[in-house]
Amino acid sequence: MTKDGTIGKVAIVDKLEKPATLNSGVFVLRPKVNNLNVTYLMHSLISEDFKKFIDDIKIGATVPHLNQAALLKYKLTLPPIELQNKFAERVEKIEKLSFEIEEAIKEAENLYNSLMSKYFD
């Protein structure tokens, strides 16, 4: 999670092929519980509720910053792991469909451009 400047951006890094370093503008969140789905966590951290929380705890007017101690005060709603897993499955299906739609749009645009070029050039 980014903590300086553009704050609150999140990503899941599951595995790295090589060792990596991070700059000081990033928090690394490593859940130490077995009853937390990382996809559920990520979507909780991009929710409007969490954005409001970040807005309330950020410091700095020109360049905003997040403080780790303040961030740890966030109360994450934690439904049973079964519900989190169902949520994650639905998110993955939606993301897959979204990707497929984007690819179909690109293919249609390429076909359109090809036909326009063929008939009008």
N, C-alpha and C. Protein backbone atom coordinates (compact mmCIF):
# COMPACT_ATOMS: atom_id res chain seq x y z
N MET A 1 0.85 -1.17 0.00
CA MET A 1 0.00 0.00 0.00
C MET A 1 0.90 1.23 0.00
N THR A 2 0.56 2.17 -0.88
CA THR A 2 1.35 3.41 -0.92
C THR A 2 0.98 4.28 0.27
N LYS A 3 2.00 4.93 0.84
CA LYS A 3 1.76 5.71 2.05
C LYS A 3 2.23 7.15 1.96
N ASP A 4 2.86 7.54 0.87
CA ASP A 4 3.33 8.91 0.70
C ASP A 4 2.90 9.43 -0.67
N GLY A 5 2.44 10.67 -0.70
CA GLY A 5 2.02 11.25 -1.98
C GLY A 5 0.67 10.71 -2.39
N THR A 6 0.66 9.84 -3.38
CA THR A 6 -0.57 9.17 -3.80
C THR A 6 -0.79 8.02 -2.83
N ILE A 7 -1.61 8.25 -1.83
CA ILE A 7 -1.75 7.28 -0.74
C ILE A 7 -2.91 6.32 -0.98
N GLY A 8 -2.77 5.12 -0.41
CA GLY A 8 -3.86 4.15 -0.42
C GLY A 8 -3.96 3.26 -1.64
N LYS A 9 -3.01 3.31 -2.55
CA LYS A 9 -3.03 2.40 -3.70
C LYS A 9 -2.57 1.03 -3.21
N VAL A 10 -3.29 -0.02 -3.62
CA VAL A 10 -2.96 -1.36 -3.14
C VAL A 10 -2.77 -2.33 -4.30
N ALA A 11 -2.02 -3.37 -4.05
CA ALA A 11 -1.81 -4.44 -5.03
C ALA A 11 -1.49 -5.72 -4.27
N ILE A 12 -1.79 -6.83 -4.91
CA ILE A 12 -1.43 -8.13 -4.35
C ILE A 12 -0.19 -8.62 -5.08
N VAL A 13 0.82 -8.95 -4.33
CA VAL A 13 2.02 -9.57 -4.89
C VAL A 13 2.09 -10.96 -4.27
N ASP A 14 1.74 -11.95 -5.08
CA ASP A 14 1.66 -13.31 -4.56
C ASP A 14 3.04 -13.94 -4.45
N LYS A 15 3.77 -13.94 -5.54
CA LYS A 15 5.11 -14.54 -5.56
C LYS A 15 6.01 -13.70 -6.45
N LEU A 16 7.26 -13.65 -6.08
CA LEU A 16 8.27 -12.97 -6.89
C LEU A 16 9.30 -13.99 -7.35
N GLU A 17 9.74 -13.86 -8.59
CA GLU A 17 10.75 -14.79 -9.10
C GLU A 17 12.12 -14.51 -8.49
N LYS A 18 12.35 -13.24 -8.15
CA LYS A 18 13.64 -12.83 -7.60
C LYS A 18 13.40 -11.96 -6.38
N PRO A 19 14.42 -11.78 -5.55
CA PRO A 19 14.27 -10.85 -4.42
C PRO A 19 13.99 -9.44 -4.95
N ALA A 20 13.28 -8.67 -4.17
CA ALA A 20 12.93 -7.31 -4.58
C ALA A 20 13.08 -6.36 -3.40
N THR A 21 13.19 -5.10 -3.72
CA THR A 21 13.23 -4.07 -2.68
C THR A 21 12.07 -3.12 -2.91
N LEU A 22 11.65 -2.47 -1.85
CA LEU A 22 10.59 -1.47 -1.93
C LEU A 22 11.14 -0.16 -1.40
N ASN A 23 10.59 0.93 -1.91
CA ASN A 23 11.03 2.21 -1.35
C ASN A 23 10.25 2.50 -0.08
N SER A 24 10.63 3.56 0.58
CA SER A 24 10.03 3.87 1.88
C SER A 24 8.61 4.41 1.77
N GLY A 25 8.11 4.62 0.57
CA GLY A 25 6.76 5.13 0.39
C GLY A 25 5.70 4.05 0.33
N VAL A 26 6.06 2.83 0.73
CA VAL A 26 5.14 1.70 0.61
C VAL A 26 5.07 0.93 1.93
N PHE A 27 3.84 0.58 2.33
CA PHE A 27 3.64 -0.36 3.43
C PHE A 27 3.52 -1.76 2.84
N VAL A 28 4.12 -2.74 3.47
CA VAL A 28 3.90 -4.14 3.10
C VAL A 28 2.95 -4.71 4.14
N LEU A 29 1.82 -5.22 3.68
CA LEU A 29 0.84 -5.81 4.58
C LEU A 29 0.89 -7.32 4.41
N ARG A 30 1.25 -8.02 5.45
CA ARG A 30 1.30 -9.48 5.42
C ARG A 30 0.36 -10.02 6.50
N PRO A 31 -0.85 -10.39 6.11
CA PRO A 31 -1.79 -10.92 7.11
C PRO A 31 -1.21 -12.15 7.79
N LYS A 32 -1.35 -12.20 9.09
CA LYS A 32 -0.82 -13.34 9.86
C LYS A 32 -1.95 -14.19 10.42
N VAL A 33 -3.03 -14.24 9.69
CA VAL A 33 -4.18 -15.05 10.11
C VAL A 33 -4.59 -15.95 8.96
N ASN A 34 -5.16 -17.09 9.29
CA ASN A 34 -5.60 -18.03 8.27
C ASN A 34 -7.03 -17.77 7.81
N ASN A 35 -7.73 -16.90 8.51
CA ASN A 35 -9.13 -16.66 8.17
C ASN A 35 -9.31 -15.36 7.38
N LEU A 36 -8.34 -15.06 6.49
CA LEU A 36 -8.41 -13.84 5.70
C LEU A 36 -8.01 -14.13 4.26
N ASN A 37 -8.93 -13.91 3.34
CA ASN A 37 -8.68 -14.08 1.92
C ASN A 37 -8.05 -12.78 1.40
N VAL A 38 -6.91 -12.87 0.70
CA VAL A 38 -6.20 -11.66 0.29
C VAL A 38 -6.99 -10.84 -0.74
N THR A 39 -7.79 -11.50 -1.56
CA THR A 39 -8.64 -10.76 -2.51
C THR A 39 -9.68 -9.96 -1.74
N TYR A 40 -10.27 -10.57 -0.73
CA TYR A 40 -11.22 -9.85 0.12
C TYR A 40 -10.53 -8.66 0.79
N LEU A 41 -9.32 -8.89 1.31
CA LEU A 41 -8.57 -7.82 1.96
C LEU A 41 -8.32 -6.67 0.99
N MET A 42 -7.85 -6.99 -0.21
CA MET A 42 -7.56 -5.94 -1.17
C MET A 42 -8.80 -5.11 -1.47
N HIS A 43 -9.92 -5.77 -1.69
CA HIS A 43 -11.14 -5.02 -2.01
C HIS A 43 -11.66 -4.25 -0.81
N SER A 44 -11.37 -4.72 0.38
CA SER A 44 -11.70 -3.93 1.58
C SER A 44 -10.86 -2.66 1.62
N LEU A 45 -9.61 -2.78 1.18
CA LEU A 45 -8.69 -1.64 1.23
C LEU A 45 -8.89 -0.64 0.09
N ILE A 46 -9.74 -0.99 -0.89
CA ILE A 46 -10.08 -0.01 -1.93
C ILE A 46 -11.54 0.44 -1.80
N SER A 47 -12.17 0.06 -0.71
CA SER A 47 -13.57 0.43 -0.47
C SER A 47 -13.70 1.90 -0.10
N GLU A 48 -14.87 2.44 -0.28
CA GLU A 48 -15.14 3.83 0.09
C GLU A 48 -14.96 4.04 1.60
N ASP A 49 -15.34 3.05 2.38
CA ASP A 49 -15.18 3.12 3.83
C ASP A 49 -13.71 3.30 4.20
N PHE A 50 -12.84 2.51 3.58
CA PHE A 50 -11.42 2.61 3.89
C PHE A 50 -10.83 3.92 3.36
N LYS A 51 -11.29 4.36 2.19
CA LYS A 51 -10.81 5.64 1.64
C LYS A 51 -11.16 6.79 2.58
N LYS A 52 -12.36 6.74 3.16
CA LYS A 52 -12.75 7.78 4.12
C LYS A 52 -11.86 7.71 5.36
N PHE A 53 -11.59 6.49 5.83
CA PHE A 53 -10.71 6.31 6.98
C PHE A 53 -9.33 6.91 6.69
N ILE A 54 -8.77 6.61 5.53
CA ILE A 54 -7.46 7.14 5.15
C ILE A 54 -7.49 8.66 5.11
N ASP A 55 -8.56 9.20 4.54
CA ASP A 55 -8.68 10.65 4.45
C ASP A 55 -8.70 11.28 5.83
N ASP A 56 -9.29 10.60 6.79
CA ASP A 56 -9.36 11.11 8.17
C ASP A 56 -8.02 11.02 8.91
N ILE A 57 -7.19 10.04 8.57
CA ILE A 57 -5.94 9.85 9.34
C ILE A 57 -4.70 10.39 8.65
N LYS A 58 -4.82 10.78 7.38
CA LYS A 58 -3.62 11.24 6.67
C LYS A 58 -3.09 12.52 7.30
N ILE A 59 -1.79 12.71 7.17
CA ILE A 59 -1.15 13.92 7.66
C ILE A 59 -0.43 14.58 6.49
N GLY A 60 -0.21 15.87 6.59
CA GLY A 60 0.47 16.60 5.53
C GLY A 60 -0.52 17.21 4.57
N ALA A 61 -0.38 18.49 4.31
CA ALA A 61 -1.31 19.19 3.43
C ALA A 61 -0.86 19.11 1.97
N THR A 62 0.40 19.39 1.70
CA THR A 62 0.90 19.39 0.33
C THR A 62 1.15 17.98 -0.18
N VAL A 63 1.90 17.21 0.59
CA VAL A 63 2.17 15.81 0.25
C VAL A 63 1.62 14.95 1.38
N PRO A 64 0.49 14.28 1.15
CA PRO A 64 -0.11 13.49 2.22
C PRO A 64 0.73 12.25 2.58
N HIS A 65 0.66 11.86 3.83
CA HIS A 65 1.38 10.69 4.34
C HIS A 65 0.44 9.88 5.22
N LEU A 66 0.69 8.58 5.27
CA LEU A 66 -0.01 7.70 6.20
C LEU A 66 0.97 7.24 7.26
N ASN A 67 0.50 7.22 8.48
CA ASN A 67 1.28 6.77 9.61
C ASN A 67 0.87 5.34 9.94
N GLN A 68 1.84 4.45 10.13
CA GLN A 68 1.53 3.05 10.38
C GLN A 68 0.69 2.85 11.64
N ALA A 69 1.01 3.56 12.70
CA ALA A 69 0.25 3.41 13.95
C ALA A 69 -1.21 3.79 13.74
N ALA A 70 -1.46 4.86 12.99
CA ALA A 70 -2.84 5.27 12.72
C ALA A 70 -3.53 4.26 11.81
N LEU A 71 -2.80 3.74 10.82
CA LEU A 71 -3.37 2.77 9.89
C LEU A 71 -3.82 1.50 10.62
N LEU A 72 -3.07 1.10 11.62
CA LEU A 72 -3.40 -0.12 12.35
C LEU A 72 -4.67 0.00 13.19
N LYS A 73 -5.20 1.20 13.32
CA LYS A 73 -6.44 1.40 14.07
C LYS A 73 -7.69 1.05 13.26
N TYR A 74 -7.51 0.79 11.96
CA TYR A 74 -8.65 0.46 11.12
C TYR A 74 -9.26 -0.87 11.56
N LYS A 75 -10.56 -0.89 11.70
CA LYS A 75 -11.29 -2.10 12.10
C LYS A 75 -11.84 -2.77 10.83
N LEU A 76 -11.15 -3.79 10.38
CA LEU A 76 -11.55 -4.53 9.19
C LEU A 76 -12.72 -5.45 9.53
N THR A 77 -13.80 -5.34 8.76
CA THR A 77 -14.92 -6.26 8.91
C THR A 77 -14.48 -7.61 8.37
N LEU A 78 -14.59 -8.64 9.18
CA LEU A 78 -14.07 -9.95 8.80
C LEU A 78 -15.17 -11.00 8.85
N PRO A 79 -15.87 -11.19 7.72
CA PRO A 79 -16.89 -12.25 7.68
C PRO A 79 -16.21 -13.62 7.70
N PRO A 80 -16.99 -14.68 7.88
CA PRO A 80 -16.41 -16.02 7.86
C PRO A 80 -15.63 -16.26 6.56
N ILE A 81 -14.58 -17.04 6.64
CA ILE A 81 -13.70 -17.29 5.49
C ILE A 81 -14.47 -17.84 4.29
N GLU A 82 -15.53 -18.60 4.54
CA GLU A 82 -16.33 -19.15 3.44
C GLU A 82 -16.94 -18.03 2.60
N LEU A 83 -17.46 -17.00 3.27
CA LEU A 83 -18.05 -15.86 2.55
C LEU A 83 -16.97 -15.06 1.83
N GLN A 84 -15.82 -14.90 2.46
CA GLN A 84 -14.72 -14.20 1.81
C GLN A 84 -14.29 -14.94 0.54
N ASN A 85 -14.22 -16.25 0.62
CA ASN A 85 -13.83 -17.05 -0.54
C ASN A 85 -14.85 -16.95 -1.66
N LYS A 86 -16.15 -16.96 -1.32
CA LYS A 86 -17.20 -16.78 -2.33
C LYS A 86 -17.07 -15.41 -2.99
N PHE A 87 -16.82 -14.39 -2.17
CA PHE A 87 -16.62 -13.04 -2.69
C PHE A 87 -15.44 -13.04 -3.67
N ALA A 88 -14.33 -13.65 -3.28
CA ALA A 88 -13.13 -13.68 -4.12
C ALA A 88 -13.40 -14.41 -5.43
N GLU A 89 -14.15 -15.51 -5.38
CA GLU A 89 -14.49 -16.25 -6.60
C GLU A 89 -15.30 -15.38 -7.55
N ARG A 90 -16.25 -14.64 -7.02
CA ARG A 90 -17.07 -13.77 -7.86
C ARG A 90 -16.24 -12.64 -8.46
N VAL A 91 -15.36 -12.08 -7.66
CA VAL A 91 -14.48 -11.02 -8.16
C VAL A 91 -13.62 -11.55 -9.30
N GLU A 92 -13.06 -12.74 -9.13
CA GLU A 92 -12.22 -13.33 -10.17
C GLU A 92 -13.01 -13.58 -11.45
N LYS A 93 -14.26 -14.05 -11.33
CA LYS A 93 -15.11 -14.25 -12.50
C LYS A 93 -15.38 -12.93 -13.21
N ILE A 94 -15.69 -11.91 -12.44
CA ILE A 94 -15.97 -10.59 -13.02
C ILE A 94 -14.73 -10.03 -13.71
N GLU A 95 -13.57 -10.17 -13.07
CA GLU A 95 -12.34 -9.67 -13.67
C GLU A 95 -12.01 -10.43 -14.96
N LYS A 96 -12.26 -11.74 -14.98
CA LYS A 96 -12.02 -12.53 -16.19
C LYS A 96 -12.95 -12.08 -17.31
N LEU A 97 -14.23 -11.89 -17.00
CA LEU A 97 -15.18 -11.42 -18.00
C LEU A 97 -14.81 -10.03 -18.50
N SER A 98 -14.38 -9.18 -17.61
CA SER A 98 -13.97 -7.83 -17.99
C SER A 98 -12.79 -7.88 -18.96
N PHE A 99 -11.82 -8.74 -18.67
CA PHE A 99 -10.66 -8.90 -19.55
C PHE A 99 -11.11 -9.41 -20.92
N GLU A 100 -12.00 -10.41 -20.93
CA GLU A 100 -12.48 -10.97 -22.19
C GLU A 100 -13.23 -9.93 -23.01
N ILE A 101 -14.01 -9.09 -22.35
CA ILE A 101 -14.74 -8.02 -23.05
C ILE A 101 -13.76 -7.02 -23.64
N GLU A 102 -12.75 -6.63 -22.86
CA GLU A 102 -11.74 -5.69 -23.37
C GLU A 102 -11.03 -6.26 -24.59
N GLU A 103 -10.70 -7.55 -24.55
CA GLU A 103 -10.04 -8.19 -25.68
C GLU A 103 -10.96 -8.22 -26.90
N ALA A 104 -12.24 -8.51 -26.70
CA ALA A 104 -13.20 -8.53 -27.81
C ALA A 104 -13.35 -7.14 -28.42
N ILE A 105 -13.35 -6.11 -27.58
CA ILE A 105 -13.43 -4.73 -28.08
C ILE A 105 -12.20 -4.40 -28.92
N LYS A 106 -11.02 -4.76 -28.44
CA LYS A 106 -9.79 -4.52 -29.21
C LYS A 106 -9.85 -5.24 -30.55
N GLU A 107 -10.30 -6.48 -30.54
CA GLU A 107 -10.40 -7.26 -31.77
C GLU A 107 -11.39 -6.61 -32.74
N ALA A 108 -12.52 -6.15 -32.23
CA ALA A 108 -13.51 -5.48 -33.08
C ALA A 108 -12.95 -4.18 -33.65
N GLU A 109 -12.22 -3.41 -32.84
CA GLU A 109 -11.61 -2.17 -33.32
C GLU A 109 -10.59 -2.46 -34.41
N ASN A 110 -9.78 -3.50 -34.21
CA ASN A 110 -8.79 -3.87 -35.23
C ASN A 110 -9.47 -4.29 -36.53
N LEU A 111 -10.53 -5.06 -36.43
CA LEU A 111 -11.28 -5.48 -37.61
C LEU A 111 -11.89 -4.28 -38.31
N TYR A 112 -12.48 -3.38 -37.56
CA TYR A 112 -13.07 -2.16 -38.12
C TYR A 112 -12.01 -1.34 -38.85
N ASN A 113 -10.87 -1.12 -38.20
CA ASN A 113 -9.80 -0.34 -38.82
C ASN A 113 -9.27 -1.02 -40.07
N SER A 114 -9.17 -2.34 -40.03
CA SER A 114 -8.72 -3.09 -41.20
C SER A 114 -9.69 -2.93 -42.36
N LEU A 115 -10.97 -3.04 -42.08
CA LEU A 115 -11.98 -2.89 -43.13
C LEU A 115 -12.01 -1.46 -43.67
N MET A 116 -11.90 -0.48 -42.79
CA MET A 116 -11.88 0.91 -43.23
C MET A 116 -10.68 1.16 -44.14
N SER A 117 -9.55 0.60 -43.78
CA SER A 117 -8.33 0.76 -44.58
C SER A 117 -8.49 0.06 -45.93
N LYS A 118 -9.08 -1.13 -45.91
CA LYS A 118 -9.25 -1.91 -47.13
C LYS A 118 -10.17 -1.20 -48.12
N TYR A 119 -11.24 -0.60 -47.63
CA TYR A 119 -12.23 -0.02 -48.52
C TYR A 119 -12.01 1.46 -48.85
N PHE A 120 -11.24 2.16 -48.02
CA PHE A 120 -11.12 3.60 -48.24
C PHE A 120 -9.69 4.07 -48.48
N ASP A 121 -8.74 3.19 -48.57
CA ASP A 121 -7.36 3.61 -48.87
C ASP A 121 -6.98 3.27 -50.27
